[in-house]
Amino acid sequence: MYFAEAMNDYNKLSPEEQAELYQKFLQDPDSFYEKAEIDQLKEALRKNYKERFLTMTRLMKMSLMLSKAKITHTPLSANKNE
């Protein structure tokens, strides 16, 4: 079984097939990451302009929110009665 096809249905594989897939991953992990990257690109190309626009505006809003965020730290006291 070709590992790219097996990655989509990993939970449906038998324990022997899962072990074989794991061994292939140990031998060549880069091919698994390349496959995942290509799958993400293909999925992005399937989206229409409205979906892309909505995703971009959501990311812009998050970026703006995070750029304005302040991180504060208050040390915890050892004794809560203080």
PDB file of N, CA and C in Angstrom:
ATOM      1  N   MET A   1       0.848  -1.179   0.000  1.00  0.00           N
ATOM      2  CA  MET A   1       0.000   0.000   0.000  1.00  0.00           C
ATOM      3  C   MET A   1       0.892   1.241   0.000  1.00  0.00           C
ATOM      4  N   TYR A   2       0.585   2.171  -0.863  1.00  0.00           N
ATOM      5  CA  TYR A   2       1.348   3.417  -0.933  1.00  0.00           C
ATOM      6  C   TYR A   2       1.031   4.261   0.288  1.00  0.00           C
ATOM      7  N   PHE A   3       2.059   4.790   0.960  1.00  0.00           N
ATOM      8  CA  PHE A   3       1.866   5.436   2.255  1.00  0.00           C
ATOM      9  C   PHE A   3       1.026   6.695   2.176  1.00  0.00           C
ATOM     10  N   ALA A   4       1.025   7.409   1.049  1.00  0.00           N
ATOM     11  CA  ALA A   4       0.223   8.636   0.935  1.00  0.00           C
ATOM     12  C   ALA A   4      -1.262   8.321   1.039  1.00  0.00           C
ATOM     13  N   GLU A   5      -1.678   7.213   0.449  1.00  0.00           N
ATOM     14  CA  GLU A   5      -3.080   6.803   0.540  1.00  0.00           C
ATOM     15  C   GLU A   5      -3.400   6.336   1.951  1.00  0.00           C
ATOM     16  N   ALA A   6      -2.466   5.683   2.574  1.00  0.00           N
ATOM     17  CA  ALA A   6      -2.690   5.125   3.905  1.00  0.00           C
ATOM     18  C   ALA A   6      -2.787   6.212   4.963  1.00  0.00           C
ATOM     19  N   MET A   7      -2.112   7.339   4.747  1.00  0.00           N
ATOM     20  CA  MET A   7      -2.125   8.399   5.752  1.00  0.00           C
ATOM     21  C   MET A   7      -3.533   8.949   5.962  1.00  0.00           C
ATOM     22  N   ASN A   8      -4.350   8.965   4.919  1.00  0.00           N
ATOM     23  CA  ASN A   8      -5.704   9.492   5.038  1.00  0.00           C
ATOM     24  C   ASN A   8      -6.592   8.604   5.906  1.00  0.00           C
ATOM     25  N   ASP A   9      -6.367   7.304   5.895  1.00  0.00           N
ATOM     26  CA  ASP A   9      -7.210   6.358   6.628  1.00  0.00           C
ATOM     27  C   ASP A   9      -6.383   5.573   7.641  1.00  0.00           C
ATOM     28  N   TYR A  10      -5.555   6.254   8.400  1.00  0.00           N
ATOM     29  CA  TYR A  10      -4.638   5.580   9.321  1.00  0.00           C
ATOM     30  C   TYR A  10      -5.370   4.742  10.354  1.00  0.00           C
ATOM     31  N   ASN A  11      -6.470   5.248  10.895  1.00  0.00           N
ATOM     32  CA  ASN A  11      -7.206   4.515  11.925  1.00  0.00           C
ATOM     33  C   ASN A  11      -7.905   3.275  11.383  1.00  0.00           C
ATOM     34  N   LYS A  12      -8.097   3.224  10.092  1.00  0.00           N
ATOM     35  CA  LYS A  12      -8.758   2.065   9.485  1.00  0.00           C
ATOM     36  C   LYS A  12      -7.775   0.945   9.152  1.00  0.00           C
ATOM     37  N   LEU A  13      -6.478   1.210   9.296  1.00  0.00           N
ATOM     38  CA  LEU A  13      -5.467   0.209   8.968  1.00  0.00           C
ATOM     39  C   LEU A  13      -5.344  -0.840  10.066  1.00  0.00           C
ATOM     40  N   SER A  14      -4.901  -2.005   9.670  1.00  0.00           N
ATOM     41  CA  SER A  14      -4.629  -3.056  10.647  1.00  0.00           C
ATOM     42  C   SER A  14      -3.356  -2.695  11.403  1.00  0.00           C
ATOM     43  N   PRO A  15      -3.127  -3.286  12.575  1.00  0.00           N
ATOM     44  CA  PRO A  15      -1.898  -2.999  13.331  1.00  0.00           C
ATOM     45  C   PRO A  15      -0.624  -3.288  12.525  1.00  0.00           C
ATOM     46  N   GLU A  16      -0.649  -4.327  11.674  1.00  0.00           N
ATOM     47  CA  GLU A  16       0.522  -4.643  10.868  1.00  0.00           C
ATOM     48  C   GLU A  16       0.777  -3.532   9.842  1.00  0.00           C
ATOM     49  N   GLU A  17      -0.302  -3.029   9.224  1.00  0.00           N
ATOM     50  CA  GLU A  17      -0.155  -1.964   8.241  1.00  0.00           C
ATOM     51  C   GLU A  17       0.291  -0.659   8.905  1.00  0.00           C
ATOM     52  N   GLN A  18      -0.200  -0.412  10.106  1.00  0.00           N
ATOM     53  CA  GLN A  18       0.226   0.779  10.844  1.00  0.00           C
ATOM     54  C   GLN A  18       1.715   0.688  11.174  1.00  0.00           C
ATOM     55  N   ALA A  19       2.182  -0.496  11.562  1.00  0.00           N
ATOM     56  CA  ALA A  19       3.600  -0.689  11.872  1.00  0.00           C
ATOM     57  C   ALA A  19       4.453  -0.491  10.623  1.00  0.00           C
ATOM     58  N   GLU A  20       3.973  -1.001   9.487  1.00  0.00           N
ATOM     59  CA  GLU A  20       4.697  -0.829   8.224  1.00  0.00           C
ATOM     60  C   GLU A  20       4.776   0.649   7.841  1.00  0.00           C
ATOM     61  N   LEU A  21       3.686   1.363   8.012  1.00  0.00           N
ATOM     62  CA  LEU A  21       3.661   2.786   7.711  1.00  0.00           C
ATOM     63  C   LEU A  21       4.596   3.554   8.634  1.00  0.00           C
ATOM     64  N   TYR A  22       4.638   3.171   9.898  1.00  0.00           N
ATOM     65  CA  TYR A  22       5.535   3.802  10.861  1.00  0.00           C
ATOM     66  C   TYR A  22       6.995   3.577  10.474  1.00  0.00           C
ATOM     67  N   GLN A  23       7.321   2.371  10.028  1.00  0.00           N
ATOM     68  CA  GLN A  23       8.691   2.085   9.600  1.00  0.00           C
ATOM     69  C   GLN A  23       9.070   2.925   8.379  1.00  0.00           C
ATOM     70  N   LYS A  24       8.121   3.106   7.459  1.00  0.00           N
ATOM     71  CA  LYS A  24       8.387   3.946   6.293  1.00  0.00           C
ATOM     72  C   LYS A  24       8.615   5.390   6.726  1.00  0.00           C
ATOM     73  N   PHE A  25       7.854   5.836   7.718  1.00  0.00           N
ATOM     74  CA  PHE A  25       8.037   7.198   8.226  1.00  0.00           C
ATOM     75  C   PHE A  25       9.417   7.357   8.838  1.00  0.00           C
ATOM     76  N   LEU A  26       9.871   6.358   9.587  1.00  0.00           N
ATOM     77  CA  LEU A  26      11.198   6.435  10.193  1.00  0.00           C
ATOM     78  C   LEU A  26      12.307   6.471   9.150  1.00  0.00           C
ATOM     79  N   GLN A  27      12.086   5.785   8.022  1.00  0.00           N
ATOM     80  CA  GLN A  27      13.099   5.748   6.968  1.00  0.00           C
ATOM     81  C   GLN A  27      13.149   7.058   6.183  1.00  0.00           C
ATOM     82  N   ASP A  28      11.987   7.664   5.924  1.00  0.00           N
ATOM     83  CA  ASP A  28      11.946   8.870   5.089  1.00  0.00           C
ATOM     84  C   ASP A  28      10.853   9.815   5.574  1.00  0.00           C
ATOM     85  N   PRO A  29      11.082  10.522   6.685  1.00  0.00           N
ATOM     86  CA  PRO A  29      10.033  11.407   7.222  1.00  0.00           C
ATOM     87  C   PRO A  29       9.761  12.617   6.338  1.00  0.00           C
ATOM     88  N   ASP A  30      10.749  13.053   5.555  1.00  0.00           N
ATOM     89  CA  ASP A  30      10.548  14.231   4.711  1.00  0.00           C
ATOM     90  C   ASP A  30       9.441  14.027   3.685  1.00  0.00           C
ATOM     91  N   SER A  31       9.303  12.824   3.172  1.00  0.00           N
ATOM     92  CA  SER A  31       8.270  12.579   2.170  1.00  0.00           C
ATOM     93  C   SER A  31       6.874  12.734   2.782  1.00  0.00           C
ATOM     94  N   PHE A  32       6.722  12.413   4.056  1.00  0.00           N
ATOM     95  CA  PHE A  32       5.435  12.579   4.723  1.00  0.00           C
ATOM     96  C   PHE A  32       5.101  14.067   4.860  1.00  0.00           C
ATOM     97  N   TYR A  33       6.098  14.861   5.222  1.00  0.00           N
ATOM     98  CA  TYR A  33       5.873  16.297   5.371  1.00  0.00           C
ATOM     99  C   TYR A  33       5.601  16.953   4.023  1.00  0.00           C
ATOM    100  N   GLU A  34       6.306  16.508   2.980  1.00  0.00           N
ATOM    101  CA  GLU A  34       6.060  17.032   1.641  1.00  0.00           C
ATOM    102  C   GLU A  34       4.640  16.717   1.196  1.00  0.00           C
ATOM    103  N   LYS A  35       4.179  15.511   1.486  1.00  0.00           N
ATOM    104  CA  LYS A  35       2.824  15.115   1.127  1.00  0.00           C
ATOM    105  C   LYS A  35       1.809  15.985   1.847  1.00  0.00           C
ATOM    106  N   ALA A  36       2.017  16.248   3.124  1.00  0.00           N
ATOM    107  CA  ALA A  36       1.099  17.085   3.888  1.00  0.00           C
ATOM    108  C   ALA A  36       1.073  18.509   3.340  1.00  0.00           C
ATOM    109  N   GLU A  37       2.236  19.017   2.963  1.00  0.00           N
ATOM    110  CA  GLU A  37       2.316  20.368   2.409  1.00  0.00           C
ATOM    111  C   GLU A  37       1.579  20.460   1.074  1.00  0.00           C
ATOM    112  N   ILE A  38       1.767  19.472   0.229  1.00  0.00           N
ATOM    113  CA  ILE A  38       1.090  19.448  -1.066  1.00  0.00           C
ATOM    114  C   ILE A  38      -0.419  19.339  -0.873  1.00  0.00           C
ATOM    115  N   ASP A  39      -0.859  18.527   0.077  1.00  0.00           N
ATOM    116  CA  ASP A  39      -2.294  18.403   0.358  1.00  0.00           C
ATOM    117  C   ASP A  39      -2.884  19.735   0.813  1.00  0.00           C
ATOM    118  N   GLN A  40      -2.147  20.476   1.653  1.00  0.00           N
ATOM    119  CA  GLN A  40      -2.631  21.783   2.103  1.00  0.00           C
ATOM    120  C   GLN A  40      -2.725  22.758   0.941  1.00  0.00           C
ATOM    121  N   LEU A  41      -1.755  22.747   0.043  1.00  0.00           N
ATOM    122  CA  LEU A  41      -1.803  23.629  -1.117  1.00  0.00           C
ATOM    123  C   LEU A  41      -2.969  23.295  -2.033  1.00  0.00           C
ATOM    124  N   LYS A  42      -3.208  22.005  -2.255  1.00  0.00           N
ATOM    125  CA  LYS A  42      -4.343  21.596  -3.092  1.00  0.00           C
ATOM    126  C   LYS A  42      -5.658  22.030  -2.469  1.00  0.00           C
ATOM    127  N   GLU A  43      -5.771  21.889  -1.159  1.00  0.00           N
ATOM    128  CA  GLU A  43      -6.994  22.302  -0.463  1.00  0.00           C
ATOM    129  C   GLU A  43      -7.201  23.808  -0.582  1.00  0.00           C
ATOM    130  N   ALA A  44      -6.128  24.574  -0.475  1.00  0.00           N
ATOM    131  CA  ALA A  44      -6.228  26.033  -0.592  1.00  0.00           C
ATOM    132  C   ALA A  44      -6.658  26.442  -1.995  1.00  0.00           C
ATOM    133  N   LEU A  45      -6.203  25.728  -2.999  1.00  0.00           N
ATOM    134  CA  LEU A  45      -6.579  26.056  -4.373  1.00  0.00           C
ATOM    135  C   LEU A  45      -8.044  25.743  -4.659  1.00  0.00           C
ATOM    136  N   ARG A  46      -8.641  24.848  -3.911  1.00  0.00           N
ATOM    137  CA  ARG A  46     -10.051  24.501  -4.106  1.00  0.00           C
ATOM    138  C   ARG A  46     -11.000  25.578  -3.582  1.00  0.00           C
ATOM    139  N   LYS A  47     -10.495  26.463  -2.723  1.00  0.00           N
ATOM    140  CA  LYS A  47     -11.354  27.479  -2.129  1.00  0.00           C
ATOM    141  C   LYS A  47     -11.669  28.567  -3.143  1.00  0.00           C
ATOM    142  N   ASN A  48     -12.882  29.109  -3.051  1.00  0.00           N
ATOM    143  CA  ASN A  48     -13.236  30.203  -3.948  1.00  0.00           C
ATOM    144  C   ASN A  48     -12.769  31.529  -3.349  1.00  0.00           C
ATOM    145  N   TYR A  49     -12.966  32.615  -4.085  1.00  0.00           N
ATOM    146  CA  TYR A  49     -12.456  33.908  -3.658  1.00  0.00           C
ATOM    147  C   TYR A  49     -13.102  34.391  -2.367  1.00  0.00           C
ATOM    148  N   LYS A  50     -14.378  34.089  -2.174  1.00  0.00           N
ATOM    149  CA  LYS A  50     -15.062  34.531  -0.955  1.00  0.00           C
ATOM    150  C   LYS A  50     -14.451  33.842   0.268  1.00  0.00           C
ATOM    151  N   GLU A  51     -14.222  32.530   0.188  1.00  0.00           N
ATOM    152  CA  GLU A  51     -13.615  31.802   1.303  1.00  0.00           C
ATOM    153  C   GLU A  51     -12.208  32.318   1.599  1.00  0.00           C
ATOM    154  N   ARG A  52     -11.455  32.618   0.548  1.00  0.00           N
ATOM    155  CA  ARG A  52     -10.104  33.154   0.736  1.00  0.00           C
ATOM    156  C   ARG A  52     -10.156  34.522   1.407  1.00  0.00           C
ATOM    157  N   PHE A  53     -11.112  35.359   0.963  1.00  0.00           N
ATOM    158  CA  PHE A  53     -11.262  36.689   1.543  1.00  0.00           C
ATOM    159  C   PHE A  53     -11.628  36.595   3.022  1.00  0.00           C
ATOM    160  N   LEU A  54     -12.576  35.715   3.355  1.00  0.00           N
ATOM    161  CA  LEU A  54     -12.995  35.570   4.751  1.00  0.00           C
ATOM    162  C   LEU A  54     -11.845  35.056   5.617  1.00  0.00           C
ATOM    163  N   THR A  55     -11.062  34.132   5.090  1.00  0.00           N
ATOM    164  CA  THR A  55      -9.909  33.626   5.835  1.00  0.00           C
ATOM    165  C   THR A  55      -8.888  34.736   6.052  1.00  0.00           C
ATOM    166  N   MET A  56      -8.638  35.521   5.015  1.00  0.00           N
ATOM    167  CA  MET A  56      -7.658  36.594   5.134  1.00  0.00           C
ATOM    168  C   MET A  56      -8.112  37.646   6.139  1.00  0.00           C
ATOM    169  N   THR A  57      -9.393  38.019   6.114  1.00  0.00           N
ATOM    170  CA  THR A  57      -9.862  39.025   7.068  1.00  0.00           C
ATOM    171  C   THR A  57      -9.809  38.486   8.493  1.00  0.00           C
ATOM    172  N   ARG A  58     -10.095  37.211   8.675  1.00  0.00           N
ATOM    173  CA  ARG A  58      -9.991  36.607  10.006  1.00  0.00           C
ATOM    174  C   ARG A  58      -8.554  36.660  10.511  1.00  0.00           C
ATOM    175  N   LEU A  59      -7.603  36.348   9.631  1.00  0.00           N
ATOM    176  CA  LEU A  59      -6.192  36.408  10.012  1.00  0.00           C
ATOM    177  C   LEU A  59      -5.750  37.837  10.311  1.00  0.00           C
ATOM    178  N   MET A  60      -6.252  38.797   9.550  1.00  0.00           N
ATOM    179  CA  MET A  60      -5.900  40.196   9.790  1.00  0.00           C
ATOM    180  C   MET A  60      -6.438  40.665  11.140  1.00  0.00           C
ATOM    181  N   LYS A  61      -7.658  40.253  11.476  1.00  0.00           N
ATOM    182  CA  LYS A  61      -8.238  40.625  12.767  1.00  0.00           C
ATOM    183  C   LYS A  61      -7.433  40.032  13.918  1.00  0.00           C
ATOM    184  N   MET A  62      -7.034  38.760  13.771  1.00  0.00           N
ATOM    185  CA  MET A  62      -6.222  38.127  14.814  1.00  0.00           C
ATOM    186  C   MET A  62      -4.876  38.814  14.951  1.00  0.00           C
ATOM    187  N   SER A  63      -4.261  39.160  13.838  1.00  0.00           N
ATOM    188  CA  SER A  63      -2.975  39.829  13.868  1.00  0.00           C
ATOM    189  C   SER A  63      -3.079  41.174  14.575  1.00  0.00           C
ATOM    190  N   LEU A  64      -4.117  41.919  14.272  1.00  0.00           N
ATOM    191  CA  LEU A  64      -4.332  43.218  14.914  1.00  0.00           C
ATOM    192  C   LEU A  64      -4.554  43.044  16.410  1.00  0.00           C
ATOM    193  N   MET A  65      -5.370  42.054  16.778  1.00  0.00           N
ATOM    194  CA  MET A  65      -5.645  41.794  18.190  1.00  0.00           C
ATOM    195  C   MET A  65      -4.365  41.412  18.933  1.00  0.00           C
ATOM    196  N   LEU A  66      -3.566  40.535  18.334  1.00  0.00           N
ATOM    197  CA  LEU A  66      -2.339  40.087  18.996  1.00  0.00           C
ATOM    198  C   LEU A  66      -1.286  41.185  19.059  1.00  0.00           C
ATOM    199  N   SER A  67      -1.273  42.078  18.082  1.00  0.00           N
ATOM    200  CA  SER A  67      -0.285  43.159  18.124  1.00  0.00           C
ATOM    201  C   SER A  67      -0.610  44.164  19.224  1.00  0.00           C
ATOM    202  N   LYS A  68      -1.874  44.264  19.606  1.00  0.00           N
ATOM    203  CA  LYS A  68      -2.282  45.188  20.671  1.00  0.00           C
ATOM    204  C   LYS A  68      -2.287  44.529  22.048  1.00  0.00           C
ATOM    205  N   ALA A  69      -2.057  43.241  22.107  1.00  0.00           N
ATOM    206  CA  ALA A  69      -2.146  42.512  23.376  1.00  0.00           C
ATOM    207  C   ALA A  69      -1.000  42.874  24.307  1.00  0.00           C
ATOM    208  N   LYS A  70      -1.309  42.909  25.595  1.00  0.00           N
ATOM    209  CA  LYS A  70      -0.299  43.139  26.620  1.00  0.00           C
ATOM    210  C   LYS A  70      -0.205  41.881  27.465  1.00  0.00           C
ATOM    211  N   ILE A  71       0.993  41.466  27.716  1.00  0.00           N
ATOM    212  CA  ILE A  71       1.196  40.281  28.545  1.00  0.00           C
ATOM    213  C   ILE A  71       1.658  40.761  29.914  1.00  0.00           C
ATOM    214  N   THR A  72       0.914  40.375  30.928  1.00  0.00           N
ATOM    215  CA  THR A  72       1.278  40.762  32.288  1.00  0.00           C
ATOM    216  C   THR A  72       1.522  39.509  33.106  1.00  0.00           C
ATOM    217  N   HIS A  73       2.297  39.693  34.145  1.00  0.00           N
ATOM    218  CA  HIS A  73       2.615  38.550  34.998  1.00  0.00           C
ATOM    219  C   HIS A  73       2.519  39.001  36.452  1.00  0.00           C
ATOM    220  N   THR A  74       1.759  38.282  37.224  1.00  0.00           N
ATOM    221  CA  THR A  74       1.722  38.535  38.656  1.00  0.00           C
ATOM    222  C   THR A  74       2.234  37.283  39.350  1.00  0.00           C
ATOM    223  N   PRO A  75       3.276  37.411  40.121  1.00  0.00           N
ATOM    224  CA  PRO A  75       3.830  36.220  40.785  1.00  0.00           C
ATOM    225  C   PRO A  75       2.843  35.640  41.802  1.00  0.00           C
ATOM    226  N   LEU A  76       2.827  34.325  41.861  1.00  0.00           N
ATOM    227  CA  LEU A  76       1.976  33.650  42.849  1.00  0.00           C
ATOM    228  C   LEU A  76       2.677  33.626  44.187  1.00  0.00           C
ATOM    229  N   SER A  77       1.926  33.892  45.224  1.00  0.00           N
ATOM    230  CA  SER A  77       2.533  33.835  46.546  1.00  0.00           C
ATOM    231  C   SER A  77       2.524  32.387  47.043  1.00  0.00           C
ATOM    232  N   ALA A  78       3.487  32.044  47.880  1.00  0.00           N
ATOM    233  CA  ALA A  78       3.597  30.686  48.401  1.00  0.00           C
ATOM    234  C   ALA A  78       2.452  30.402  49.371  1.00  0.00           C
ATOM    235  N   ASN A  79       2.048  31.406  50.130  1.00  0.00           N
ATOM    236  CA  ASN A  79       0.976  31.233  51.093  1.00  0.00           C
ATOM    237  C   ASN A  79      -0.235  32.025  50.610  1.00  0.00           C
ATOM    238  N   LYS A  80      -1.373  31.359  50.425  1.00  0.00           N
ATOM    239  CA  LYS A  80      -2.549  32.022  49.886  1.00  0.00           C
ATOM    240  C   LYS A  80      -3.241  32.917  50.922  1.00  0.00           C
ATOM    241  N   ASN A  81      -2.862  32.819  52.188  1.00  0.00           N
ATOM    242  CA  ASN A  81      -3.480  33.631  53.236  1.00  0.00           C
ATOM    243  C   ASN A  81      -2.892  35.031  53.288  1.00  0.00           C
ATOM    244  N   GLU A  82      -1.839  35.286  52.552  1.00  0.00           N
ATOM    245  CA  GLU A  82      -1.191  36.606  52.612  1.00  0.00           C
ATOM    246  C   GLU A  82      -1.960  37.615  51.818  1.00  0.00           C
TER     247      GLU A  82
END
